[in-house]
Amino acid sequence: MPLPEPYDSWFPDAPIDGTYGYDRDALLAVEPVPPPPGFADLWHGWFAASRTVRPEPRLTSLDRQGAHDLYEVEHTGAGGLRLRGWLALPSDGAARVGVVRSHGYGGRDEPGFDRVPDDAAVVFPVARGLGALNVGVGAPDTAAEHVVHGIGSVETYALGRCAVDLWHAADALVEVAGDLPLYYVGESFGGIGALAVPWDRRFVGATFVVPSFGQYDVRLGVECTGSGEAVRRYVAEHPEARDVLRYFDTSTAAGYLRIPVRCECALWDTAVPPPGQFAVANAVAVSARAGSSGAGVAGAASSGAGASGYGVGATLELQDLPAGHAEYPGKDDDNARAAAATRAHIARCLER
């Protein structure tokens, strides 16, 4: 079957139709997955346990990048692992906000400041096992092995441990920069932020870019070129793992968000199927509608300390991307507009 326009000319050799047969209306109709029993209690419990761990950050000064002084940071993560990443502070003046800037499954070899305001302190965590800094620490270093590591148990699954590590990275940032309101930015694999942010009231907003791990009911039924293919094949041979994955569906967790959220979802993506991405955005939209009508929703985030945006309720800002995980005409301009939109979203979250 021929690919739809313009993808037939953009990606003539694509092994998969990255629309998966969904047009925009169909994507907006993809339902998030309801929570399994004990979902909120599990994540609340993990967050409460994380509060007992001291981050003990250790900084190594590097150089100045633009408006920021850059450091390598080592801090304690879940299970006592010492994880490395980068941390940056405004070179001139005090920070107004703290940004937790996660990464994709390619890991991170260096920090990127395109979505970071000049007056933000920012931590660039590197997930256990990944990137230039944490290879060999706590998980395998290839996406296909990492994404199924520990999948035999809810308590050991790598995605859950990496989501918990985001709280510890935020703790390291706060200990260095002070008790700031926090904002999360994550793309692709960084969609794990949707698992972590709902339970931590320090976060006042978030941006999710082509978020992964949403709507496993759909994802497990289709082939892809990303890490989800390793999960699909694993579950086909070990169907009991499906019960573990129910506690790590980002479309489920996103329904618990009570803050302004910006989602950038691709209409074409062979690595992270678009219906999974839009399921995350659709969960936020459901939460926003329920909040505005006074109706009950799946559950409320209630743990955490410090500045909180949860009193304002969920809102969704949705941007369609022509394609994700691929080069296409005009992508650089789209990226620049999206980065500016995230910075503007951060400013609006701080004004609420």
Protein backbone atom coordinates (compact mmCIF):
# COMPACT_ATOMS: atom_id res chain seq x y z
CA MET A 1 0.00 0.00 0.00
CA PRO A 2 1.45 3.40 -0.96
CA LEU A 3 2.39 5.81 1.79
CA PRO A 4 0.15 8.84 2.32
CA GLU A 5 1.29 12.28 1.18
CA PRO A 6 3.70 13.94 1.89
CA TYR A 7 5.38 10.95 3.50
CA ASP A 8 5.60 9.07 0.20
CA SER A 9 8.10 11.69 -0.98
CA TRP A 10 9.71 12.39 2.40
CA PHE A 11 10.31 8.75 3.40
CA PRO A 12 10.05 6.64 0.23
CA ASP A 13 12.11 3.82 1.77
CA ALA A 14 10.31 3.71 5.11
CA PRO A 15 9.81 0.11 6.27
CA ILE A 16 6.57 1.06 8.07
CA ASP A 17 3.77 3.53 7.41
CA GLY A 18 4.50 5.87 10.30
CA THR A 19 0.89 7.04 10.44
CA TYR A 20 -0.21 3.48 11.28
CA GLY A 21 -3.42 4.34 9.43
CA TYR A 22 -4.41 7.14 11.84
CA ASP A 23 -5.38 10.61 10.70
CA ARG A 24 -5.46 13.48 13.19
CA ASP A 25 -9.09 12.92 14.19
CA ALA A 26 -8.38 9.26 14.88
CA LEU A 27 -5.31 10.18 16.95
CA LEU A 28 -7.34 12.58 19.05
CA ALA A 29 -9.78 9.74 19.73
CA VAL A 30 -7.16 7.31 21.11
CA GLU A 31 -8.12 6.64 24.70
CA PRO A 32 -5.60 6.54 27.54
CA VAL A 33 -5.34 3.28 29.45
CA PRO A 34 -7.26 3.15 32.77
CA PRO A 35 -5.13 2.58 35.88
CA PRO A 36 -4.68 -0.95 37.18
CA PRO A 37 -5.43 -1.65 40.86
CA GLY A 38 -3.04 0.14 43.19
CA PHE A 39 -1.48 2.31 40.48
CA ALA A 40 -1.59 5.62 42.37
CA ASP A 41 -0.67 4.03 45.69
CA LEU A 42 2.40 2.43 44.11
CA TRP A 43 3.70 5.69 42.67
CA HIS A 44 2.85 7.68 45.80
CA GLY A 45 4.77 5.11 47.82
CA TRP A 46 7.82 5.29 45.58
CA PHE A 47 7.79 9.08 45.82
CA ALA A 48 7.51 8.95 49.61
CA ALA A 49 10.43 6.53 49.76
CA SER A 50 12.52 8.81 47.55
CA ARG A 51 12.15 11.59 50.15
CA THR A 52 14.32 9.58 52.54
CA VAL A 53 17.32 9.60 50.17
CA ARG A 54 19.84 12.45 50.36
CA PRO A 55 21.01 13.44 46.86
CA GLU A 56 24.50 14.39 48.05
CA PRO A 57 25.38 16.21 44.81
CA ARG A 58 29.03 16.63 43.90
CA LEU A 59 29.85 19.27 41.27
CA THR A 60 32.79 19.54 38.90
CA SER A 61 33.07 22.92 37.20
CA LEU A 62 33.29 22.80 33.40
CA ASP A 63 32.80 26.03 31.46
CA ARG A 64 30.28 28.69 30.58
CA GLN A 65 27.69 27.95 27.92
CA GLY A 66 25.69 30.98 26.83
CA ALA A 67 23.91 32.38 29.87
CA HIS A 68 24.86 29.48 32.16
CA ASP A 69 27.79 28.18 34.17
CA LEU A 70 28.02 24.44 33.48
CA TYR A 71 29.01 21.65 35.87
CA GLU A 72 29.14 17.89 35.79
CA VAL A 73 27.03 16.62 38.68
CA GLU A 74 27.06 13.28 40.46
CA HIS A 75 24.16 12.46 42.75
CA THR A 76 22.48 9.54 44.47
CA GLY A 77 19.69 7.78 42.59
CA ALA A 78 17.24 4.99 43.36
CA GLY A 79 18.84 2.01 45.04
CA GLY A 80 21.82 4.08 46.11
CA LEU A 81 23.39 4.31 42.65
CA ARG A 82 25.60 7.30 42.04
CA LEU A 83 24.52 8.78 38.72
CA ARG A 84 26.18 11.49 36.67
CA GLY A 85 24.69 14.24 34.54
CA TRP A 86 25.10 17.94 34.01
CA LEU A 87 23.83 20.90 36.00
CA ALA A 88 23.87 24.55 35.01
CA LEU A 89 23.21 27.78 36.90
CA PRO A 90 22.54 31.26 35.53
CA SER A 91 25.82 33.12 35.17
CA ASP A 92 24.21 36.43 36.08
CA GLY A 93 21.65 36.64 38.87
CA ALA A 94 19.56 34.13 40.79
CA ALA A 95 17.55 31.37 39.16
CA ARG A 96 13.79 31.89 38.86
CA VAL A 97 12.89 28.29 38.00
CA GLY A 98 14.49 24.87 37.98
CA VAL A 99 14.24 22.77 34.81
CA VAL A 100 14.67 19.00 34.72
CA ARG A 101 15.68 18.32 31.11
CA SER A 102 15.54 14.62 30.24
CA HIS A 103 16.64 12.89 27.02
CA GLY A 104 15.76 10.26 24.44
CA TYR A 105 16.89 6.66 24.21
CA GLY A 106 20.05 7.75 22.45
CA GLY A 107 21.20 8.97 25.84
CA ARG A 108 22.95 12.29 26.16
CA ASP A 109 26.53 13.18 25.28
CA GLU A 110 26.23 16.87 26.14
CA PRO A 111 23.61 19.30 27.48
CA GLY A 112 21.38 21.34 25.18
CA PHE A 113 19.94 24.70 26.23
CA ASP A 114 17.44 25.34 23.41
CA ARG A 115 14.39 24.97 25.67
CA VAL A 116 15.98 26.43 28.81
CA PRO A 117 15.35 30.08 29.83
CA ASP A 118 18.38 32.18 30.71
CA ASP A 119 17.10 32.61 34.28
CA ALA A 120 16.65 28.87 34.89
CA ALA A 121 18.80 26.50 36.87
CA VAL A 122 18.76 23.21 34.99
CA VAL A 123 19.75 19.61 35.58
CA PHE A 124 20.37 17.32 32.62
CA PRO A 125 20.00 13.85 34.14
CA VAL A 126 21.41 10.90 32.24
CA ALA A 127 19.43 7.70 32.76
CA ARG A 128 21.09 4.76 34.46
CA GLY A 129 23.03 2.68 31.96
CA LEU A 130 22.85 5.25 29.17
CA GLY A 131 24.74 8.08 27.56
CA ALA A 132 28.32 9.18 27.90
CA LEU A 133 28.26 9.31 31.69
CA ASN A 134 26.35 6.29 33.07
CA VAL A 135 27.29 3.36 30.84
CA GLY A 136 27.53 0.25 33.02
CA VAL A 137 25.65 1.83 35.93
CA GLY A 138 22.47 -0.01 36.91
CA ALA A 139 21.16 -1.06 33.47
CA PRO A 140 22.31 -2.15 29.99
CA ASP A 141 23.50 0.53 27.57
CA THR A 142 21.51 -0.49 24.48
CA ALA A 143 17.88 0.53 24.08
CA ALA A 144 16.66 -2.96 23.17
CA GLU A 145 18.15 -4.43 26.37
CA HIS A 146 17.49 -1.42 28.60
CA VAL A 147 13.78 -1.29 27.83
CA VAL A 148 13.20 -4.85 29.07
CA HIS A 149 15.72 -4.80 31.90
CA GLY A 150 14.08 -5.91 35.15
CA ILE A 151 10.70 -6.36 33.47
CA GLY A 152 10.02 -9.49 35.52
CA SER A 153 8.82 -7.35 38.43
CA VAL A 154 7.10 -4.01 38.97
CA GLU A 155 9.73 -3.23 41.62
CA THR A 156 12.73 -3.83 39.37
CA TYR A 157 11.63 -2.67 35.90
CA ALA A 158 14.14 -0.21 34.43
CA LEU A 159 11.55 2.35 33.32
CA GLY A 160 10.26 2.67 36.86
CA ARG A 161 13.74 2.98 38.31
CA CYS A 162 14.62 5.64 35.73
CA ALA A 163 11.44 7.59 36.52
CA VAL A 164 12.28 7.50 40.23
CA ASP A 165 15.79 8.71 39.38
CA LEU A 166 14.23 11.88 37.95
CA TRP A 167 13.04 12.81 41.46
CA HIS A 168 16.57 12.36 42.73
CA ALA A 169 17.98 14.51 39.92
CA ALA A 170 15.45 17.18 40.87
CA ASP A 171 16.55 16.85 44.50
CA ALA A 172 20.17 17.46 43.46
CA LEU A 173 19.12 20.57 41.52
CA VAL A 174 17.13 21.95 44.46
CA GLU A 175 19.93 21.29 46.91
CA VAL A 176 22.35 23.26 44.73
CA ALA A 177 20.06 26.01 43.40
CA GLY A 178 17.54 26.40 46.22
CA ASP A 179 13.84 25.68 46.68
CA LEU A 180 12.64 26.62 43.19
CA PRO A 181 9.44 25.77 41.31
CA LEU A 182 10.31 22.99 38.88
CA TYR A 183 9.45 22.40 35.23
CA TYR A 184 10.01 19.16 33.31
CA VAL A 185 11.08 18.78 29.68
CA GLY A 186 11.47 15.32 28.17
CA GLU A 187 11.34 13.78 24.73
CA SER A 188 10.85 10.23 23.46
CA PHE A 189 12.30 8.06 26.27
CA GLY A 190 11.98 11.25 28.34
CA GLY A 191 8.25 10.52 28.33
CA ILE A 192 9.04 8.71 31.59
CA GLY A 193 8.58 12.15 33.09
CA ALA A 194 4.85 11.55 32.74
CA LEU A 195 5.35 8.68 35.19
CA ALA A 196 7.29 10.80 37.70
CA VAL A 197 5.85 14.32 37.58
CA PRO A 198 2.23 13.68 38.72
CA TRP A 199 3.31 12.71 42.23
CA ASP A 200 5.77 15.54 42.87
CA ARG A 201 4.10 18.85 43.73
CA ARG A 202 7.27 20.83 43.12
CA PHE A 203 6.55 20.71 39.38
CA VAL A 204 4.48 23.60 38.01
CA GLY A 205 4.49 22.52 34.36
CA ALA A 206 5.86 20.10 31.79
CA THR A 207 6.63 19.64 28.12
CA PHE A 208 6.54 16.16 26.59
CA VAL A 209 8.00 15.83 23.08
CA VAL A 210 7.01 12.73 21.06
CA PRO A 211 6.52 10.88 24.39
CA SER A 212 7.06 7.16 24.47
CA PHE A 213 5.52 4.34 26.55
CA GLY A 214 1.90 5.45 26.08
CA GLN A 215 -1.03 3.12 25.31
CA TYR A 216 0.57 -0.31 25.44
CA ASP A 217 -2.72 -1.84 24.34
CA VAL A 218 -2.01 -0.30 20.93
CA ARG A 219 1.80 -0.34 20.99
CA LEU A 220 2.06 -4.06 21.64
CA GLY A 221 -0.04 -4.76 18.57
CA VAL A 222 2.12 -2.96 16.00
CA GLU A 223 5.68 -3.13 14.79
CA CYS A 224 7.98 -0.14 15.19
CA THR A 225 11.63 0.75 14.66
CA GLY A 226 12.18 2.00 18.23
CA SER A 227 12.59 0.40 21.63
CA GLY A 228 8.93 -0.61 21.65
CA GLU A 229 9.75 -3.39 19.20
CA ALA A 230 11.93 -5.11 21.78
CA VAL A 231 9.07 -4.84 24.29
CA ARG A 232 6.52 -6.18 21.78
CA ARG A 233 8.68 -9.20 21.01
CA TYR A 234 9.44 -9.84 24.66
CA VAL A 235 5.79 -9.76 25.68
CA ALA A 236 4.90 -12.09 22.79
CA GLU A 237 7.21 -14.68 24.39
CA HIS A 238 6.51 -13.71 28.01
CA PRO A 239 2.86 -12.61 28.18
CA GLU A 240 3.01 -12.29 31.98
CA ALA A 241 5.14 -9.17 31.46
CA ARG A 242 2.01 -7.37 30.23
CA ASP A 243 0.83 -7.14 33.84
CA VAL A 244 4.06 -5.34 34.78
CA LEU A 245 3.75 -2.86 31.92
CA ARG A 246 0.33 -1.74 33.13
CA TYR A 247 2.08 0.20 35.91
CA PHE A 248 4.35 2.04 33.46
CA ASP A 249 1.92 3.32 30.83
CA THR A 250 2.52 7.04 30.42
CA SER A 251 -1.02 7.56 29.14
CA THR A 252 -2.30 6.20 32.45
CA ALA A 253 0.02 8.36 34.56
CA ALA A 254 -0.69 11.50 32.52
CA GLY A 255 -4.29 11.33 33.70
CA TYR A 256 -3.05 12.24 37.19
CA LEU A 257 -1.34 15.46 36.09
CA ARG A 258 -2.84 18.61 37.61
CA ILE A 259 -0.53 21.18 36.03
CA PRO A 260 -0.24 22.92 32.65
CA VAL A 261 1.22 20.52 30.10
CA ARG A 262 2.56 21.06 26.61
CA CYS A 263 2.61 18.01 24.31
CA GLU A 264 4.33 17.86 20.94
CA CYS A 265 2.99 14.79 19.15
CA ALA A 266 3.99 13.51 15.72
CA LEU A 267 1.54 12.59 12.99
CA TRP A 268 4.16 10.21 11.55
CA ASP A 269 6.69 8.27 13.58
CA THR A 270 8.03 4.78 12.94
CA ALA A 271 9.99 4.72 16.22
CA VAL A 272 7.24 5.77 18.65
CA PRO A 273 3.82 5.08 17.08
CA PRO A 274 1.70 8.28 17.06
CA PRO A 275 -1.34 6.72 18.79
CA GLY A 276 0.81 6.14 21.87
CA GLN A 277 2.00 9.75 21.81
CA PHE A 278 -1.47 11.20 21.41
CA ALA A 279 -2.82 8.94 24.16
CA VAL A 280 -0.60 10.89 26.58
CA ALA A 281 -1.94 14.22 25.34
CA ASN A 282 -5.50 12.90 25.35
CA ALA A 283 -5.11 11.85 29.00
CA VAL A 284 -4.16 15.41 29.94
CA ALA A 285 -7.12 16.71 27.94
CA VAL A 286 -9.49 14.38 29.81
CA SER A 287 -8.05 15.56 33.12
CA ALA A 288 -8.42 19.19 32.08
CA ARG A 289 -12.06 18.71 31.04
CA ALA A 290 -12.87 16.85 34.23
CA GLY A 291 -11.25 19.55 36.33
CA SER A 292 -13.10 22.38 34.59
CA SER A 293 -16.43 20.61 35.00
CA GLY A 294 -15.82 19.66 38.61
CA ALA A 295 -16.17 15.98 37.73
CA GLY A 296 -14.10 13.33 39.41
CA VAL A 297 -10.90 12.18 37.75
CA ALA A 298 -8.62 9.20 38.13
CA GLY A 299 -6.84 10.54 41.18
CA ALA A 300 -5.10 13.58 42.54
CA ALA A 301 -1.40 14.14 43.01
CA SER A 302 -0.86 14.92 46.64
CA SER A 303 2.71 14.09 47.62
CA GLY A 304 5.67 16.42 47.67
CA ALA A 305 6.81 19.68 49.13
CA GLY A 306 7.82 23.14 48.03
CA ALA A 307 6.27 25.22 45.27
CA SER A 308 3.19 23.66 43.72
CA GLY A 309 1.23 24.22 40.53
CA TYR A 310 -1.35 21.56 41.32
CA GLY A 311 -3.93 24.00 42.59
CA VAL A 312 -4.47 25.38 39.09
CA GLY A 313 -5.50 22.09 37.49
CA ALA A 314 -4.43 20.46 34.25
CA THR A 315 -4.36 22.32 30.96
CA LEU A 316 -3.18 21.03 27.60
CA GLU A 317 -1.26 22.85 24.89
CA LEU A 318 -0.97 20.47 21.94
CA GLN A 319 1.31 20.97 18.95
CA ASP A 320 1.22 18.60 15.99
CA LEU A 321 4.59 17.71 14.51
CA PRO A 322 4.66 16.52 10.88
CA ALA A 323 6.99 13.68 11.85
CA GLY A 324 8.98 12.39 14.79
CA HIS A 325 12.36 10.65 14.97
CA ALA A 326 13.02 11.59 11.35
CA GLU A 327 14.43 14.38 9.24
CA TYR A 328 11.92 16.20 7.04
CA PRO A 329 11.72 19.53 5.17
CA GLY A 330 11.32 22.41 7.61
CA LYS A 331 12.27 20.42 10.72
CA ASP A 332 14.84 22.94 11.92
CA ASP A 333 12.25 25.72 11.81
CA ASP A 334 9.72 23.53 13.62
CA ASN A 335 12.30 22.73 16.31
CA ALA A 336 13.10 26.40 16.83
CA ARG A 337 9.41 27.30 17.16
CA ALA A 338 8.83 24.41 19.56
CA ALA A 339 11.77 25.43 21.75
CA ALA A 340 10.48 28.99 21.91
CA ALA A 341 7.01 27.67 22.75
CA THR A 342 8.40 25.66 25.67
CA ARG A 343 10.21 28.70 27.05
CA ALA A 344 6.99 30.70 26.75
CA HIS A 345 5.06 27.90 28.46
CA ILE A 346 7.52 27.95 31.36
CA ALA A 347 6.98 31.70 31.74
CA ARG A 348 3.20 31.28 31.81
CA CYS A 349 3.42 28.48 34.37
CA LEU A 350 5.42 30.73 36.68
CA GLU A 351 2.79 33.47 36.40
CA ARG A 352 -0.10 31.25 37.52
